[in-house]
C-alpha atoms as a PDB file:
ATOM      1  CA  MET A   1     -11.745 -24.373  71.205  1.00  0.00           C
ATOM      2  CA  ALA A   2     -11.094 -20.918  69.739  1.00  0.00           C
ATOM      3  CA  SER A   3     -12.863 -21.777  66.489  1.00  0.00           C
ATOM      4  CA  THR A   4     -15.875 -23.070  68.454  1.00  0.00           C
ATOM      5  CA  SER A   5     -16.116 -19.841  70.451  1.00  0.00           C
ATOM      6  CA  GLN A   6     -15.740 -17.806  67.230  1.00  0.00           C
ATOM      7  CA  SER A   7     -18.547 -19.770  65.586  1.00  0.00           C
ATOM      8  CA  ARG A   8     -20.827 -18.840  68.514  1.00  0.00           C
ATOM      9  CA  ALA A   9     -19.726 -15.217  68.737  1.00  0.00           C
ATOM     10  CA  PRO A  10     -22.540 -12.645  68.495  1.00  0.00           C
ATOM     11  CA  TRP A  11     -20.836 -11.071  65.477  1.00  0.00           C
ATOM     12  CA  GLN A  12     -20.760 -14.411  63.610  1.00  0.00           C
ATOM     13  CA  LEU A  13     -23.216 -15.097  60.760  1.00  0.00           C
ATOM     14  CA  GLU A  14     -26.677 -16.341  61.664  1.00  0.00           C
ATOM     15  CA  PRO A  15     -26.730 -20.127  60.996  1.00  0.00           C
ATOM     16  CA  VAL A  16     -28.720 -21.460  58.059  1.00  0.00           C
ATOM     17  CA  THR A  17     -32.285 -22.061  59.221  1.00  0.00           C
ATOM     18  CA  ALA A  18     -34.067 -25.403  59.445  1.00  0.00           C
ATOM     19  CA  SER A  19     -36.701 -24.097  57.024  1.00  0.00           C
ATOM     20  CA  ALA A  20     -34.010 -23.478  54.387  1.00  0.00           C
ATOM     21  CA  ARG A  21     -32.830 -27.071  54.806  1.00  0.00           C
ATOM     22  CA  LEU A  22     -36.392 -28.362  54.440  1.00  0.00           C
ATOM     23  CA  TRP A  23     -36.861 -26.310  51.274  1.00  0.00           C
ATOM     24  CA  LEU A  24     -33.636 -27.776  49.910  1.00  0.00           C
ATOM     25  CA  LEU A  25     -34.919 -31.296  50.592  1.00  0.00           C
ATOM     26  CA  ALA A  26     -38.232 -30.487  48.907  1.00  0.00           C
ATOM     27  CA  LEU A  27     -36.679 -28.875  45.816  1.00  0.00           C
ATOM     28  CA  ALA A  28     -33.676 -31.165  45.351  1.00  0.00           C
ATOM     29  CA  VAL A  29     -35.270 -34.536  46.205  1.00  0.00           C
ATOM     30  CA  LEU A  30     -39.031 -34.610  46.758  1.00  0.00           C
ATOM     31  CA  LEU A  31     -40.093 -32.492  43.775  1.00  0.00           C
ATOM     32  CA  PRO A  32     -37.911 -34.278  41.155  1.00  0.00           C
ATOM     33  CA  MET A  33     -38.912 -37.688  42.524  1.00  0.00           C
ATOM     34  CA  GLY A  34     -42.579 -36.700  42.413  1.00  0.00           C
ATOM     35  CA  ILE A  35     -42.224 -35.637  38.772  1.00  0.00           C
ATOM     36  CA  VAL A  36     -40.468 -38.881  37.816  1.00  0.00           C
ATOM     37  CA  VAL A  37     -42.969 -41.127  39.615  1.00  0.00           C
ATOM     38  CA  GLY A  38     -45.892 -39.145  38.179  1.00  0.00           C
ATOM     39  CA  SER A  39     -44.452 -39.493  34.672  1.00  0.00           C
ATOM     40  CA  LEU A  40     -44.023 -43.255  35.116  1.00  0.00           C
ATOM     41  CA  VAL A  41     -47.611 -43.620  36.331  1.00  0.00           C
ATOM     42  CA  TYR A  42     -48.846 -41.580  33.368  1.00  0.00           C
ATOM     43  CA  THR A  43     -46.877 -43.577  30.784  1.00  0.00           C
ATOM     44  CA  ALA A  44     -47.936 -46.892  32.368  1.00  0.00           C
ATOM     45  CA  ASN A  45     -51.486 -46.196  31.168  1.00  0.00           C
ATOM     46  CA  ASP A  46     -50.359 -45.249  27.664  1.00  0.00           C
ATOM     47  CA  PRO A  47     -51.047 -48.114  25.204  1.00  0.00           C
ATOM     48  CA  ALA A  48     -48.276 -46.953  22.846  1.00  0.00           C
ATOM     49  CA  PRO A  49     -45.167 -49.197  22.607  1.00  0.00           C
ATOM     50  CA  LYS A  50     -42.537 -48.400  25.214  1.00  0.00           C
ATOM     51  CA  ARG A  51     -38.749 -48.549  25.095  1.00  0.00           C
ATOM     52  CA  LEU A  52     -37.880 -50.774  28.040  1.00  0.00           C
ATOM     53  CA  ILE A  53     -34.528 -51.671  29.564  1.00  0.00           C
ATOM     54  CA  GLY A  54     -33.930 -55.354  28.853  1.00  0.00           C
ATOM     55  CA  GLY A  55     -37.549 -55.611  27.701  1.00  0.00           C
ATOM     56  CA  SER A  56     -38.662 -55.473  31.354  1.00  0.00           C
ATOM     57  CA  GLU A  57     -41.033 -52.829  32.698  1.00  0.00           C
ATOM     58  CA  PRO A  58     -40.142 -53.477  36.397  1.00  0.00           C
ATOM     59  CA  LEU A  59     -36.421 -53.221  35.580  1.00  0.00           C
ATOM     60  CA  THR A  60     -37.007 -49.983  33.683  1.00  0.00           C
ATOM     61  CA  ILE A  61     -38.947 -48.484  36.605  1.00  0.00           C
ATOM     62  CA  LEU A  62     -36.261 -49.593  39.067  1.00  0.00           C
ATOM     63  CA  VAL A  63     -33.435 -48.072  37.001  1.00  0.00           C
ATOM     64  CA  VAL A  64     -35.264 -44.784  36.354  1.00  0.00           C
ATOM     65  CA  VAL A  65     -36.492 -44.298  39.933  1.00  0.00           C
ATOM     66  CA  GLY A  66     -33.267 -45.548  41.514  1.00  0.00           C
ATOM     67  CA  GLY A  67     -31.033 -43.516  39.226  1.00  0.00           C
ATOM     68  CA  THR A  68     -33.044 -40.353  39.790  1.00  0.00           C
ATOM     69  CA  LEU A  69     -33.034 -40.885  43.548  1.00  0.00           C
ATOM     70  CA  VAL A  70     -29.254 -41.371  43.642  1.00  0.00           C
ATOM     71  CA  LEU A  71     -28.713 -38.223  41.549  1.00  0.00           C
ATOM     72  CA  CYS A  72     -31.101 -36.149  43.680  1.00  0.00           C
ATOM     73  CA  LEU A  73     -29.532 -37.336  46.928  1.00  0.00           C
ATOM     74  CA  ALA A  74     -26.055 -36.522  45.593  1.00  0.00           C
ATOM     75  CA  ILE A  75     -27.151 -32.984  44.682  1.00  0.00           C
ATOM     76  CA  HIS A  76     -28.861 -32.576  48.055  1.00  0.00           C
ATOM     77  CA  TRP A  77     -25.739 -33.795  49.879  1.00  0.00           C
ATOM     78  CA  ALA A  78     -23.454 -31.417  47.980  1.00  0.00           C
ATOM     79  CA  ILE A  79     -25.618 -28.345  48.585  1.00  0.00           C
ATOM     80  CA  SER A  80     -26.353 -29.311  52.195  1.00  0.00           C
ATOM     81  CA  ARG A  81     -22.637 -29.687  52.852  1.00  0.00           C
ATOM     82  CA  ALA A  82     -21.962 -26.307  51.243  1.00  0.00           C
ATOM     83  CA  MET A  83     -24.604 -24.717  53.490  1.00  0.00           C
ATOM     84  CA  ARG A  84     -22.359 -25.487  56.475  1.00  0.00           C
ATOM     85  CA  ARG A  85     -19.872 -22.986  55.013  1.00  0.00           C
ATOM     86  CA  HIS A  86     -21.694 -19.944  56.318  1.00  0.00           C
ATOM     87  CA  GLN A  87     -19.313 -17.912  58.444  1.00  0.00           C
ATOM     88  CA  ILE A  88     -17.003 -14.946  58.627  1.00  0.00           C
ATOM     89  CA  ALA A  89     -13.520 -14.526  60.057  1.00  0.00           C
ATOM     90  CA  LEU A  90     -12.023 -11.273  61.322  1.00  0.00           C
ATOM     91  CA  ASP A  91      -8.334 -10.744  62.018  1.00  0.00           C
ATOM     92  CA  GLY A  92      -5.564  -8.218  61.704  1.00  0.00           C
ATOM     93  CA  ASP A  93      -5.542  -8.551  57.913  1.00  0.00           C
ATOM     94  CA  GLY A  94      -9.248  -7.978  57.301  1.00  0.00           C
ATOM     95  CA  LEU A  95     -12.460  -9.904  56.748  1.00  0.00           C
ATOM     96  CA  ALA A  96     -13.102 -13.303  55.134  1.00  0.00           C
ATOM     97  CA  VAL A  97     -16.616 -14.358  54.132  1.00  0.00           C
ATOM     98  CA  ASP A  98     -17.511 -17.985  53.357  1.00  0.00           C
ATOM     99  CA  THR A  99     -21.078 -18.730  52.373  1.00  0.00           C
ATOM    100  CA  THR A 100     -22.070 -21.980  50.599  1.00  0.00           C
ATOM    101  CA  PHE A 101     -20.080 -22.038  47.316  1.00  0.00           C
ATOM    102  CA  TYR A 102     -18.772 -18.459  47.598  1.00  0.00           C
ATOM    103  CA  SER A 103     -15.756 -16.973  49.373  1.00  0.00           C
ATOM    104  CA  ARG A 104     -14.087 -13.579  49.508  1.00  0.00           C
ATOM    105  CA  ARG A 105     -11.236 -12.225  51.572  1.00  0.00           C
ATOM    106  CA  LEU A 106     -10.900  -8.459  51.823  1.00  0.00           C
ATOM    107  CA  GLY A 107      -8.139  -6.443  53.461  1.00  0.00           C
ATOM    108  CA  TRP A 108      -8.957  -3.512  55.692  1.00  0.00           C
ATOM    109  CA  GLY A 109      -8.037  -1.104  52.913  1.00  0.00           C
ATOM    110  CA  GLU A 110     -10.754  -2.653  50.737  1.00  0.00           C
ATOM    111  CA  LEU A 111     -13.481  -2.342  53.373  1.00  0.00           C
ATOM    112  CA  GLN A 112     -15.249   0.974  53.824  1.00  0.00           C
ATOM    113  CA  VAL A 113     -15.802   0.479  57.543  1.00  0.00           C
ATOM    114  CA  GLN A 114     -16.644   4.150  58.060  1.00  0.00           C
ATOM    115  CA  GLN A 115     -19.703   3.706  55.796  1.00  0.00           C
ATOM    116  CA  ALA A 116     -20.861   0.390  57.315  1.00  0.00           C
ATOM    117  CA  ARG A 117     -24.247   0.467  59.014  1.00  0.00           C
ATOM    118  CA  VAL A 118     -26.851  -1.843  60.468  1.00  0.00           C
ATOM    119  CA  VAL A 119     -30.082  -1.596  58.489  1.00  0.00           C
ATOM    120  CA  ASP A 120     -33.570  -3.032  58.598  1.00  0.00           C
ATOM    121  CA  LEU A 121     -34.359  -4.271  55.079  1.00  0.00           C
ATOM    122  CA  ASP A 122     -38.063  -3.734  55.664  1.00  0.00           C
ATOM    123  CA  GLU A 123     -37.290  -0.019  55.985  1.00  0.00           C
ATOM    124  CA  HIS A 124     -34.333   0.245  53.583  1.00  0.00           C
ATOM    125  CA  THR A 125     -35.879  -1.731  50.753  1.00  0.00           C
ATOM    126  CA  GLU A 126     -33.324  -0.380  48.269  1.00  0.00           C
ATOM    127  CA  LEU A 127     -30.778  -2.735  49.858  1.00  0.00           C
ATOM    128  CA  LYS A 128     -32.866  -5.896  49.530  1.00  0.00           C
ATOM    129  CA  PRO A 129     -31.394  -8.623  47.278  1.00  0.00           C
ATOM    130  CA  MET A 130     -33.486  -8.569  44.116  1.00  0.00           C
ATOM    131  CA  ILE A 131     -31.809 -10.445  41.250  1.00  0.00           C
ATOM    132  CA  LYS A 132     -29.709 -13.551  41.859  1.00  0.00           C
ATOM    133  CA  THR A 133     -26.781 -13.399  39.443  1.00  0.00           C
ATOM    134  CA  ASN A 134     -24.728 -16.302  40.833  1.00  0.00           C
ATOM    135  CA  GLY A 135     -25.976 -17.614  44.122  1.00  0.00           C
ATOM    136  CA  THR A 136     -28.345 -19.727  46.154  1.00  0.00           C
ATOM    137  CA  ARG A 137     -31.775 -18.480  47.122  1.00  0.00           C
ATOM    138  CA  LEU A 138     -34.125 -20.405  49.378  1.00  0.00           C
ATOM    139  CA  PRO A 139     -36.659 -19.255  51.966  1.00  0.00           C
ATOM    140  CA  GLY A 140     -34.387 -18.547  54.925  1.00  0.00           C
ATOM    141  CA  LEU A 141     -31.154 -18.308  52.889  1.00  0.00           C
ATOM    142  CA  HIS A 142     -29.596 -15.849  50.457  1.00  0.00           C
ATOM    143  CA  SER A 143     -26.025 -16.785  49.606  1.00  0.00           C
ATOM    144  CA  GLY A 144     -23.754 -15.567  46.828  1.00  0.00           C
ATOM    145  CA  TRP A 145     -23.925 -12.774  44.283  1.00  0.00           C
ATOM    146  CA  PHE A 146     -27.027 -10.640  43.892  1.00  0.00           C
ATOM    147  CA  ARG A 147     -28.123  -7.298  42.512  1.00  0.00           C
ATOM    148  CA  LEU A 148     -29.794  -5.204  45.165  1.00  0.00           C
ATOM    149  CA  ARG A 149     -32.882  -3.131  44.435  1.00  0.00           C
ATOM    150  CA  ASN A 150     -30.649  -0.087  44.035  1.00  0.00           C
ATOM    151  CA  ARG A 151     -28.828  -2.034  41.253  1.00  0.00           C
ATOM    152  CA  GLN A 152     -25.634  -2.352  43.316  1.00  0.00           C
ATOM    153  CA  LYS A 153     -23.769  -5.662  43.090  1.00  0.00           C
ATOM    154  CA  ALA A 154     -23.438  -7.424  46.460  1.00  0.00           C
ATOM    155  CA  LEU A 155     -22.049 -10.555  48.039  1.00  0.00           C
ATOM    156  CA  VAL A 156     -24.879 -11.660  50.308  1.00  0.00           C
ATOM    157  CA  ALA A 157     -24.772 -14.001  53.304  1.00  0.00           C
ATOM    158  CA  MET A 158     -28.186 -13.882  54.935  1.00  0.00           C
ATOM    159  CA  GLY A 159     -30.454 -16.216  56.829  1.00  0.00           C
ATOM    160  CA  SER A 160     -33.853 -15.003  57.977  1.00  0.00           C
ATOM    161  CA  GLY A 161     -34.853 -11.704  59.512  1.00  0.00           C
ATOM    162  CA  PRO A 162     -34.586  -8.136  58.234  1.00  0.00           C
ATOM    163  CA  ARG A 163     -31.645  -6.731  60.270  1.00  0.00           C
ATOM    164  CA  VAL A 164     -28.314  -6.954  58.440  1.00  0.00           C
ATOM    165  CA  LEU A 165     -24.963  -5.226  58.222  1.00  0.00           C
ATOM    166  CA  HIS A 166     -24.449  -3.310  54.986  1.00  0.00           C
ATOM    167  CA  LEU A 167     -20.708  -2.945  54.329  1.00  0.00           C
ATOM    168  CA  PRO A 168     -19.520  -1.153  51.160  1.00  0.00           C
ATOM    169  CA  THR A 169     -16.139  -2.060  49.666  1.00  0.00           C
ATOM    170  CA  THR A 170     -13.739  -0.458  47.212  1.00  0.00           C
ATOM    171  CA  GLN A 171     -14.038  -3.469  44.877  1.00  0.00           C
ATOM    172  CA  GLY A 172     -17.252  -2.520  43.060  1.00  0.00           C
ATOM    173  CA  TYR A 173     -19.594  -4.471  45.296  1.00  0.00           C
ATOM    174  CA  ASP A 174     -21.118  -4.334  48.776  1.00  0.00           C
ATOM    175  CA  LEU A 175     -21.366  -6.954  51.503  1.00  0.00           C
ATOM    176  CA  LEU A 176     -24.755  -7.744  53.029  1.00  0.00           C
ATOM    177  CA  LEU A 177     -24.138  -9.844  56.131  1.00  0.00           C
ATOM    178  CA  GLN A 178     -26.657 -11.155  58.626  1.00  0.00           C
ATOM    179  CA  ALA A 179     -24.892 -11.702  61.922  1.00  0.00           C
ATOM    180  CA  ARG A 180     -26.500 -13.101  65.046  1.00  0.00           C
ATOM    181  CA  GLN A 181     -26.201  -9.536  66.337  1.00  0.00           C
ATOM    182  CA  PRO A 182     -25.474  -7.150  63.446  1.00  0.00           C
ATOM    183  CA  GLN A 183     -24.534  -4.316  65.805  1.00  0.00           C
ATOM    184  CA  ALA A 184     -21.946  -6.576  67.467  1.00  0.00           C
ATOM    185  CA  LEU A 185     -20.409  -7.275  64.040  1.00  0.00           C
ATOM    186  CA  LEU A 186     -20.217  -3.553  63.275  1.00  0.00           C
ATOM    187  CA  GLU A 187     -18.557  -2.870  66.628  1.00  0.00           C
ATOM    188  CA  ARG A 188     -16.118  -5.731  66.069  1.00  0.00           C
ATOM    189  CA  LEU A 189     -15.175  -4.322  62.656  1.00  0.00           C
ATOM    190  CA  ARG A 190     -14.571  -0.878  64.145  1.00  0.00           C
ATOM    191  CA  GLU A 191     -12.541  -2.409  66.961  1.00  0.00           C
ATOM    192  CA  LEU A 192     -10.203  -4.370  64.653  1.00  0.00           C
ATOM    193  CA  ALA A 193      -9.938  -1.952  61.730  1.00  0.00           C
ATOM    194  CA  PRO A 194      -6.758   0.160  61.581  1.00  0.00           C
ATOM    195  CA  PRO A 195      -7.451   3.805  62.521  1.00  0.00           C
ATOM    196  CA  ALA A 196      -6.763   5.027  58.973  1.00  0.00           C
ATOM    197  CA  THR A 197      -9.662   2.941  57.586  1.00  0.00           C
ATOM    198  CA  ARG A 198     -12.165   4.208  60.144  1.00  0.00           C
ATOM    199  CA  ARG A 199     -11.924   7.860  59.093  1.00  0.00           C
END
């Protein structure tokens, strides 16, 4: 019950959008399948000799299309499952961020809570994720490691919308977190952080 209420808390990360899931389906399944089917249609009209499985064109088409579909669905399933890992946890020890394939736990001494601020990325464009170095980027989802426009390294967990919490750390990177209510996340951080880390 506690975990359910935490997952719905206003300071919790904004859930991954439906549009991001549709883009994943399009890029991981529909696009590769379209390319494979298009290639098979193109080669079917080519009079050159073909290398067929068991000498059978229908069997070859079945194996190629079926194998590609199974592979694409497996990739889609793995990424879709990882997209459910999009949350933060706050406790007496600090902050834990889980977003798709990426996780970090930081103690209060590693978080520069006094410098944290809620920003609008349309106004503070220097903090926008620019270069994906090791992450997932879809319309409606930025997850993982990015370089911001100001060249700073950041662990990003964002859905859609411009308002985010920018939280510097002492570890050589920033956190860019999109909560349901970014101001509520900032207030929660200030509430839980030991007094020494808030100065």
